[in-house]
């Protein structure tokens, strides 16, 4: 997707500014490293971000670390513990984590101008930084507001070796001796998941997936993960069934680095069994047009997360002008102003209350969606994200300076 194609959405001046900043970075090698090429928000963003960086003259690259089942079981523990869920983190877990970093470092080129490391899984690569090498950035996409202390204390000395750390929300920042940068993630309005679709396309996809549209459709789109609380979504829906006639659709999939997904999916299917108004749909992570159509076919979108790094499914739904009810956790409150651009909840009962209210007040629901779309346009599109990254790369050349001249 060419950069100029975003101009009708964000304005020519935004595109001009991106090119101005990028001219100061021309030829730089920026190597992104994360844990999966498909599945999850990080891979989704990098799939769109890397080509645009290249168009701007930056030599952007993307590597994925390799690890076995044991490694990903350990990193799932780390992920959950950093979100605040109690985990038994053993000495053996630490060894598995560090040994995998060493194995990957030996097989990778770590000599880029900017090594851009995403999340805990590859964080230990910094221990193999080359002398007189480039700058290293650790980008944390998860909620670090209340981490399990022993796991964070294990990871913290590694993070402190980086030149810069990046967090998605102010509440996630930590006491670190290195600079911390706030950069919220984004959605791509031109991607298959978010581009405009004709109603005929939406209907055809719903028909193909056997999604009925005879009643108001309430949908949650997310990985089948305990932290997304899909069982809580079912409980909230069951609370309102006596008052409104609607259908619930739970749509999700798995990521290569998430070993818990199959277990959660089985629990969700068990809880939904026997209710003809609850549909559980497991899709491959490449079904982006299908997700787009499902969100557009829905009357209300839920994102009842218990913990959340940011929750881009919220911005995806808001971009389609859909009313969203979401957990008031992580980066979600940055995307939703309660009762203006969506609804924030903190319990199953609160979710049920607002679900009933919006289903019975379609005009209010429609206004929430309209306000939400404009909020996303102003704050959470890929071009803003790209600008933030470019400015951060540029700031690495000017440590300690508060003002940088681009002329």
Protein backbone atom coordinates (compact mmCIF):
# COMPACT_ATOMS: atom_id res chain seq x y z
CA UNK A 1 0.00 0.00 0.00
CA UNK A 2 1.60 3.28 -1.13
CA UNK A 3 1.87 6.14 1.34
CA UNK A 4 -0.03 8.56 -0.93
CA UNK A 5 -3.13 6.38 -0.62
CA UNK A 6 -3.48 7.49 3.01
CA UNK A 7 -3.72 11.18 2.08
CA UNK A 8 -7.52 11.20 1.53
CA UNK A 9 -7.96 9.86 5.06
CA UNK A 10 -5.36 11.81 7.06
CA UNK A 11 -4.54 14.78 4.79
CA UNK A 12 -1.65 15.66 2.48
CA UNK A 13 0.17 17.59 5.21
CA UNK A 14 0.57 14.43 7.31
CA UNK A 15 2.18 12.58 4.40
CA UNK A 16 4.47 15.53 3.65
CA UNK A 17 5.63 15.59 7.26
CA UNK A 18 6.45 11.88 7.21
CA UNK A 19 8.63 12.38 4.15
CA UNK A 20 10.37 15.37 5.74
CA UNK A 21 11.31 13.41 8.86
CA UNK A 22 12.32 10.33 6.89
CA UNK A 23 14.80 12.32 4.76
CA UNK A 24 16.88 12.75 7.91
CA UNK A 25 16.97 8.96 8.34
CA UNK A 26 17.54 7.82 4.77
CA UNK A 27 19.48 4.57 4.41
CA UNK A 28 19.29 3.57 8.07
CA UNK A 29 18.91 -0.13 8.76
CA UNK A 30 16.12 -0.79 11.27
CA UNK A 31 15.78 -4.47 12.21
CA UNK A 32 12.54 -5.44 13.97
CA UNK A 33 12.50 -8.66 16.00
CA UNK A 34 9.45 -10.32 17.53
CA UNK A 35 8.17 -13.84 18.24
CA UNK A 36 5.64 -14.56 15.50
CA UNK A 37 5.04 -13.59 11.88
CA UNK A 38 1.27 -14.13 12.02
CA UNK A 39 -1.29 -13.82 14.78
CA UNK A 40 -1.51 -10.98 17.29
CA UNK A 41 -1.28 -7.21 17.05
CA UNK A 42 2.52 -6.91 16.85
CA UNK A 43 2.78 -9.02 13.70
CA UNK A 44 -0.20 -7.24 12.23
CA UNK A 45 1.39 -3.81 12.73
CA UNK A 46 4.80 -4.88 11.43
CA UNK A 47 3.21 -6.35 8.30
CA UNK A 48 1.98 -2.87 7.43
CA UNK A 49 4.70 -0.72 9.00
CA UNK A 50 7.79 -2.32 7.42
CA UNK A 51 6.77 -1.68 3.77
CA UNK A 52 5.93 1.96 4.52
CA UNK A 53 9.30 2.50 6.22
CA UNK A 54 10.97 1.08 3.12
CA UNK A 55 8.98 3.41 0.88
CA UNK A 56 10.28 6.29 2.98
CA UNK A 57 13.88 5.26 2.27
CA UNK A 58 14.60 3.38 5.49
CA UNK A 59 16.05 -0.12 5.19
CA UNK A 60 13.46 -1.76 7.45
CA UNK A 61 13.83 -5.49 8.13
CA UNK A 62 11.92 -8.00 10.21
CA UNK A 63 13.15 -11.18 11.90
CA UNK A 64 11.22 -13.70 14.00
CA UNK A 65 12.96 -15.60 16.78
CA UNK A 66 12.72 -19.37 16.94
CA UNK A 67 11.80 -21.41 20.00
CA UNK A 68 10.29 -24.75 20.93
CA UNK A 69 7.18 -25.57 22.91
CA UNK A 70 9.05 -25.23 26.21
CA UNK A 71 10.26 -21.74 25.33
CA UNK A 72 6.79 -20.52 24.36
CA UNK A 73 5.31 -22.04 27.50
CA UNK A 74 7.85 -20.02 29.49
CA UNK A 75 7.19 -16.80 27.57
CA UNK A 76 3.45 -17.28 28.05
CA UNK A 77 4.16 -17.47 31.80
CA UNK A 78 6.19 -14.26 31.52
CA UNK A 79 3.41 -12.59 29.54
CA UNK A 80 0.74 -13.53 32.08
CA UNK A 81 2.94 -12.62 35.05
CA UNK A 82 3.76 -9.19 33.64
CA UNK A 83 0.02 -8.67 33.27
CA UNK A 84 -0.27 -9.46 36.99
CA UNK A 85 -1.56 -13.05 36.86
CA UNK A 86 0.23 -15.25 39.41
CA UNK A 87 2.68 -17.69 37.82
CA UNK A 88 5.15 -20.22 39.16
CA UNK A 89 8.35 -18.95 37.53
CA UNK A 90 11.15 -21.40 38.20
CA UNK A 91 14.92 -21.48 37.80
CA UNK A 92 14.42 -23.92 34.93
CA UNK A 93 12.11 -21.39 33.23
CA UNK A 94 14.85 -18.77 33.49
CA UNK A 95 17.37 -21.13 31.94
CA UNK A 96 15.07 -22.02 29.04
CA UNK A 97 14.46 -18.35 28.35
CA UNK A 98 18.15 -17.37 28.41
CA UNK A 99 19.35 -20.40 26.45
CA UNK A 100 16.87 -19.64 23.66
CA UNK A 101 18.10 -16.05 23.48
CA UNK A 102 21.65 -17.32 23.06
CA UNK A 103 20.68 -19.75 20.32
CA UNK A 104 18.81 -17.07 18.38
CA UNK A 105 21.56 -14.49 18.78
CA UNK A 106 24.07 -16.88 17.24
CA UNK A 107 21.88 -17.26 14.15
CA UNK A 108 20.88 -13.62 13.67
CA UNK A 109 22.45 -10.44 12.35
CA UNK A 110 22.44 -8.00 15.27
CA UNK A 111 24.42 -5.28 13.53
CA UNK A 112 21.65 -2.91 12.36
CA UNK A 113 21.68 0.86 12.98
CA UNK A 114 18.55 0.34 15.08
CA UNK A 115 17.65 -2.98 16.69
CA UNK A 116 13.94 -2.72 17.46
CA UNK A 117 12.99 -5.55 19.84
CA UNK A 118 9.30 -6.21 20.50
CA UNK A 119 8.05 -7.62 23.81
CA UNK A 120 9.68 -10.00 26.32
CA UNK A 121 10.21 -13.03 24.08
CA UNK A 122 13.33 -11.70 22.25
CA UNK A 123 14.32 -9.13 24.90
CA UNK A 124 17.43 -11.10 25.95
CA UNK A 125 19.08 -10.57 22.57
CA UNK A 126 20.46 -7.33 24.04
CA UNK A 127 22.99 -9.42 26.00
CA UNK A 128 24.68 -10.19 22.68
CA UNK A 129 24.87 -6.60 21.47
CA UNK A 130 27.94 -5.91 19.39
CA UNK A 131 30.51 -3.43 20.66
CA UNK A 132 30.20 -0.08 18.90
CA UNK A 133 26.98 -1.36 17.36
CA UNK A 134 23.74 0.50 16.71
CA UNK A 135 21.06 1.68 19.09
CA UNK A 136 18.68 -0.77 20.77
CA UNK A 137 14.99 -0.14 21.52
CA UNK A 138 12.75 -2.37 23.63
CA UNK A 139 9.10 -1.98 22.66
CA UNK A 140 6.69 -3.37 25.29
CA UNK A 141 3.19 -3.97 23.89
CA UNK A 142 1.72 -5.44 27.08
CA UNK A 143 0.27 -4.06 30.32
CA UNK A 144 3.08 -3.61 32.86
CA UNK A 145 1.07 -1.61 35.37
CA UNK A 146 1.10 -4.35 38.06
CA UNK A 147 3.63 -7.06 37.15
CA UNK A 148 4.44 -10.08 39.29
CA UNK A 149 7.50 -8.83 41.14
CA UNK A 150 9.88 -11.77 40.71
CA UNK A 151 9.28 -12.03 36.96
CA UNK A 152 9.73 -8.30 36.44
CA UNK A 153 12.89 -8.34 38.56
CA UNK A 154 14.20 -11.12 36.33
CA UNK A 155 13.47 -9.13 33.16
CA UNK A 156 14.30 -5.63 34.40
CA UNK A 157 18.14 -5.87 34.27
CA UNK A 158 17.79 -6.95 30.65
CA UNK A 159 15.51 -4.02 29.78
CA UNK A 160 17.93 -1.60 31.47
CA UNK A 161 20.60 -2.49 28.91
CA UNK A 162 18.54 -0.90 26.12
CA UNK A 163 18.96 2.69 24.96
CA UNK A 164 15.22 3.40 25.00
CA UNK A 165 12.06 1.65 26.19
CA UNK A 166 8.64 2.18 24.61
CA UNK A 167 5.27 1.66 26.30
CA UNK A 168 1.70 1.91 24.99
CA UNK A 169 0.11 3.77 27.92
CA UNK A 170 1.37 5.99 30.78
CA UNK A 171 0.28 3.46 33.42
CA UNK A 172 2.67 0.86 31.99
CA UNK A 173 5.86 2.84 32.60
CA UNK A 174 8.39 1.57 35.15
CA UNK A 175 11.24 2.93 37.21
CA UNK A 176 14.09 2.58 34.72
CA UNK A 177 17.43 4.37 34.26
CA UNK A 178 16.85 4.64 30.49
CA UNK A 179 14.51 7.00 28.60
CA UNK A 180 10.91 5.86 28.29
CA UNK A 181 8.72 6.82 25.34
CA UNK A 182 4.92 6.67 25.10
CA UNK A 183 3.75 5.42 21.69
CA UNK A 184 0.28 3.95 21.28
CA UNK A 185 -0.17 1.28 18.62
CA UNK A 186 -2.43 1.77 15.62
CA UNK A 187 -4.63 0.26 12.94
CA UNK A 188 -4.18 0.52 9.20
CA UNK A 189 -7.35 1.97 7.63
CA UNK A 190 -6.41 0.54 4.22
CA UNK A 191 -5.67 -3.03 5.32
CA UNK A 192 -8.04 -5.87 4.50
CA UNK A 193 -9.18 -5.84 8.11
CA UNK A 194 -10.20 -2.18 8.08
CA UNK A 195 -10.83 -0.98 4.51
CA UNK A 196 -14.34 -0.11 3.41
CA UNK A 197 -16.49 -3.02 2.23
CA UNK A 198 -19.66 -3.03 0.19
CA UNK A 199 -22.72 -4.39 1.95
CA UNK A 200 -22.85 -7.14 -0.65
CA UNK A 201 -19.36 -8.27 0.42
CA UNK A 202 -20.37 -8.25 4.08
CA UNK A 203 -23.48 -10.30 3.38
CA UNK A 204 -21.63 -12.80 1.21
CA UNK A 205 -18.99 -13.41 3.88
CA UNK A 206 -21.58 -13.80 6.63
CA UNK A 207 -23.48 -16.28 4.47
CA UNK A 208 -20.29 -18.24 3.77
CA UNK A 209 -19.46 -18.41 7.49
CA UNK A 210 -23.07 -19.28 8.43
CA UNK A 211 -23.49 -16.16 10.56
CA UNK A 212 -27.23 -15.34 10.85
CA UNK A 213 -28.28 -11.68 10.71
CA UNK A 214 -31.91 -12.12 11.69
CA UNK A 215 -31.32 -10.58 15.13
CA UNK A 216 -29.03 -7.85 16.51
CA UNK A 217 -25.50 -9.25 16.50
CA UNK A 218 -23.15 -8.80 19.47
CA UNK A 219 -19.55 -9.78 18.73
CA UNK A 220 -16.21 -10.13 20.47
CA UNK A 221 -13.17 -10.57 18.23
CA UNK A 222 -9.99 -11.64 20.03
CA UNK A 223 -7.65 -14.53 20.64
CA UNK A 224 -9.11 -17.25 22.83
CA UNK A 225 -7.18 -16.12 25.89
CA UNK A 226 -8.16 -16.04 29.57
CA UNK A 227 -7.22 -12.36 29.73
CA UNK A 228 -9.83 -11.56 27.04
CA UNK A 229 -12.47 -13.20 29.29
CA UNK A 230 -14.60 -14.88 26.60
CA UNK A 231 -16.42 -16.88 29.29
CA UNK A 232 -17.34 -13.60 31.00
CA UNK A 233 -18.74 -12.39 27.69
CA UNK A 234 -21.02 -15.43 27.54
CA UNK A 235 -22.15 -14.85 31.13
CA UNK A 236 -22.97 -11.19 30.41
CA UNK A 237 -24.92 -12.12 27.29
CA UNK A 238 -26.95 -14.72 29.15
CA UNK A 239 -27.93 -12.07 31.70
CA UNK A 240 -29.63 -9.94 29.04
CA UNK A 241 -31.28 -12.69 26.98
CA UNK A 242 -34.56 -12.42 28.88
CA UNK A 243 -34.78 -8.72 28.03
CA UNK A 244 -33.54 -8.48 24.43
CA UNK A 245 -33.52 -10.86 21.50
CA UNK A 246 -30.00 -10.96 20.08
CA UNK A 247 -27.19 -13.24 19.01
CA UNK A 248 -23.67 -13.49 20.42
CA UNK A 249 -20.70 -14.27 18.21
CA UNK A 250 -17.28 -15.06 19.66
CA UNK A 251 -14.62 -14.92 16.95
CA UNK A 252 -11.01 -15.77 17.58
CA UNK A 253 -7.98 -17.74 16.64
CA UNK A 254 -4.53 -18.53 17.91
CA UNK A 255 -1.01 -17.17 17.68
CA UNK A 256 2.13 -19.24 17.16
CA UNK A 257 3.52 -18.12 20.54
CA UNK A 258 0.35 -18.80 22.61
CA UNK A 259 0.08 -22.40 23.84
CA UNK A 260 -3.08 -21.77 25.94
CA UNK A 261 -5.42 -20.96 23.07
CA UNK A 262 -6.78 -24.47 22.46
CA UNK A 263 -7.62 -24.95 26.14
CA UNK A 264 -9.50 -21.65 26.35
CA UNK A 265 -11.38 -22.39 23.12
CA UNK A 266 -12.53 -25.74 24.51
CA UNK A 267 -13.84 -24.06 27.68
CA UNK A 268 -15.68 -21.43 25.62
CA UNK A 269 -17.34 -24.05 23.44
CA UNK A 270 -18.40 -26.00 26.52
CA UNK A 271 -19.97 -22.90 28.09
CA UNK A 272 -21.76 -21.96 24.86
CA UNK A 273 -23.07 -25.48 24.17
CA UNK A 274 -26.83 -25.82 23.92
CA UNK A 275 -27.58 -22.14 23.28
CA UNK A 276 -28.60 -21.55 19.64
CA UNK A 277 -28.03 -17.80 20.03
CA UNK A 278 -24.33 -18.20 20.88
CA UNK A 279 -21.93 -18.96 18.05
CA UNK A 280 -18.21 -19.68 18.47
CA UNK A 281 -16.09 -19.23 15.38
CA UNK A 282 -12.39 -20.10 15.19
CA UNK A 283 -10.67 -18.50 12.21
CA UNK A 284 -7.06 -18.61 10.98
CA UNK A 285 -5.11 -15.41 11.73
CA UNK A 286 -5.03 -14.55 8.02
CA UNK A 287 -8.82 -14.11 7.76
CA UNK A 288 -8.65 -10.32 7.80
CA UNK A 289 -11.42 -9.58 5.32
CA UNK A 290 -13.66 -11.96 7.21
CA UNK A 291 -13.00 -10.13 10.49
CA UNK A 292 -13.70 -6.84 8.74
CA UNK A 293 -17.03 -8.10 7.45
CA UNK A 294 -18.01 -9.58 10.82
CA UNK A 295 -17.32 -6.30 12.62
CA UNK A 296 -19.33 -4.38 10.01
CA UNK A 297 -22.21 -6.84 10.32
CA UNK A 298 -22.29 -6.48 14.11
CA UNK A 299 -24.55 -4.11 16.00
CA UNK A 300 -22.35 -3.98 19.13
CA UNK A 301 -18.73 -4.98 19.64
CA UNK A 302 -17.43 -6.25 22.99
CA UNK A 303 -13.85 -6.38 24.23
CA UNK A 304 -14.26 -7.57 27.80
CA UNK A 305 -10.58 -7.83 28.64
CA UNK A 306 -9.41 -8.40 32.19
CA UNK A 307 -5.91 -7.27 31.25
CA UNK A 308 -4.88 -5.66 28.00
CA UNK A 309 -1.76 -4.28 26.42
CA UNK A 310 -3.76 -1.96 24.21
CA UNK A 311 -6.62 -3.82 22.56
CA UNK A 312 -6.52 -2.79 18.91
CA UNK A 313 -9.79 -4.61 18.25
CA UNK A 314 -11.39 -1.62 19.98
CA UNK A 315 -9.96 0.84 17.46
CA UNK A 316 -10.82 -1.55 14.62
CA UNK A 317 -14.47 -1.58 15.68
CA UNK A 318 -14.61 2.16 16.35
CA UNK A 319 -13.12 2.84 12.91
CA UNK A 320 -16.17 1.06 11.51
CA UNK A 321 -18.36 3.39 13.61
CA UNK A 322 -19.55 0.57 15.83
CA UNK A 323 -20.54 1.08 19.49
CA UNK A 324 -18.00 -0.69 21.69
CA UNK A 325 -18.33 -1.97 25.26
CA UNK A 326 -14.89 -2.78 26.65
CA UNK A 327 -13.02 -3.47 29.86
CA UNK A 328 -11.52 -0.37 31.48
CA UNK A 329 -8.02 -1.86 31.46
CA UNK A 330 -4.68 -1.35 29.76
CA UNK A 331 -4.78 0.97 26.76
CA UNK A 332 -8.53 0.69 26.22
CA UNK A 333 -9.37 3.90 28.17
CA UNK A 334 -7.10 5.79 25.78
CA UNK A 335 -9.39 4.68 22.96
CA UNK A 336 -12.74 5.15 24.69
CA UNK A 337 -14.12 8.16 26.54
CA UNK A 338 -16.91 6.61 28.60
CA UNK A 339 -20.39 7.37 27.25
CA UNK A 340 -18.89 9.55 24.49
CA UNK A 341 -16.90 7.30 22.17
CA UNK A 342 -17.82 3.97 23.75
CA UNK A 343 -18.55 2.29 27.07
CA UNK A 344 -16.04 1.19 29.71
CA UNK A 345 -16.96 -1.59 32.14
CA UNK A 346 -15.32 -3.38 35.05
CA UNK A 347 -17.49 -6.44 35.63
CA UNK A 348 -19.73 -9.03 34.03
CA UNK A 349 -22.74 -7.28 35.53
CA UNK A 350 -21.65 -3.90 34.16
CA UNK A 351 -21.11 -5.38 30.74
CA UNK A 352 -24.59 -6.92 30.82
CA UNK A 353 -26.16 -3.62 31.92
CA UNK A 354 -24.63 -1.63 29.09
CA UNK A 355 -25.28 -4.34 26.54
CA UNK A 356 -28.97 -4.17 27.38
CA UNK A 357 -28.92 -0.35 27.30
CA UNK A 358 -27.30 -0.11 23.87
CA UNK A 359 -29.46 -2.80 22.32
CA UNK A 360 -32.53 -0.89 23.50
CA UNK A 361 -31.14 2.57 22.55
CA UNK A 362 -29.91 2.33 18.96
CA UNK A 363 -29.63 6.11 18.47
CA UNK A 364 -27.28 6.42 21.46
CA UNK A 365 -25.32 3.41 20.25
CA UNK A 366 -24.96 4.93 16.78
CA UNK A 367 -23.67 8.23 18.21
CA UNK A 368 -21.05 6.39 20.28
CA UNK A 369 -19.81 4.72 17.11
CA UNK A 370 -19.64 7.99 15.17
CA UNK A 371 -17.66 9.70 17.92
CA UNK A 372 -15.39 6.70 18.22
CA UNK A 373 -14.52 6.73 14.52
CA UNK A 374 -13.37 10.35 14.68
CA UNK A 375 -11.32 9.66 17.81
CA UNK A 376 -9.53 6.85 16.00
CA UNK A 377 -8.97 9.01 12.92
CA UNK A 378 -7.22 11.62 15.05
CA UNK A 379 -5.19 9.33 17.29
CA UNK A 380 -4.83 5.68 16.31
CA UNK A 381 -4.13 5.37 12.60
CA UNK A 382 -0.93 3.92 11.17
CA UNK A 383 0.39 7.26 9.88
CA UNK A 384 0.52 8.71 13.41
CA UNK A 385 2.26 5.56 14.63
CA UNK A 386 4.77 5.80 11.78
CA UNK A 387 5.50 9.44 12.63
CA UNK A 388 6.14 8.56 16.28
CA UNK A 389 8.59 5.83 15.31
CA UNK A 390 10.44 8.07 12.87
CA UNK A 391 10.83 10.78 15.49
CA UNK A 392 12.07 8.23 18.01
CA UNK A 393 14.67 6.90 15.55
CA UNK A 394 15.78 10.47 14.90
CA UNK A 395 16.03 11.23 18.62
CA UNK A 396 18.57 8.40 19.02
CA UNK A 397 21.04 10.58 17.11
CA UNK A 398 20.47 13.47 19.53
CA UNK A 399 20.57 12.03 23.08
CA UNK A 400 19.59 14.46 25.80
CA UNK A 401 18.20 17.08 23.41
CA UNK A 402 14.66 18.34 23.85
CA UNK A 403 14.52 20.11 20.48
CA UNK A 404 15.64 18.80 17.08
CA UNK A 405 15.60 20.96 13.95
CA UNK A 406 14.60 19.18 10.73
CA UNK A 407 15.63 21.90 8.25
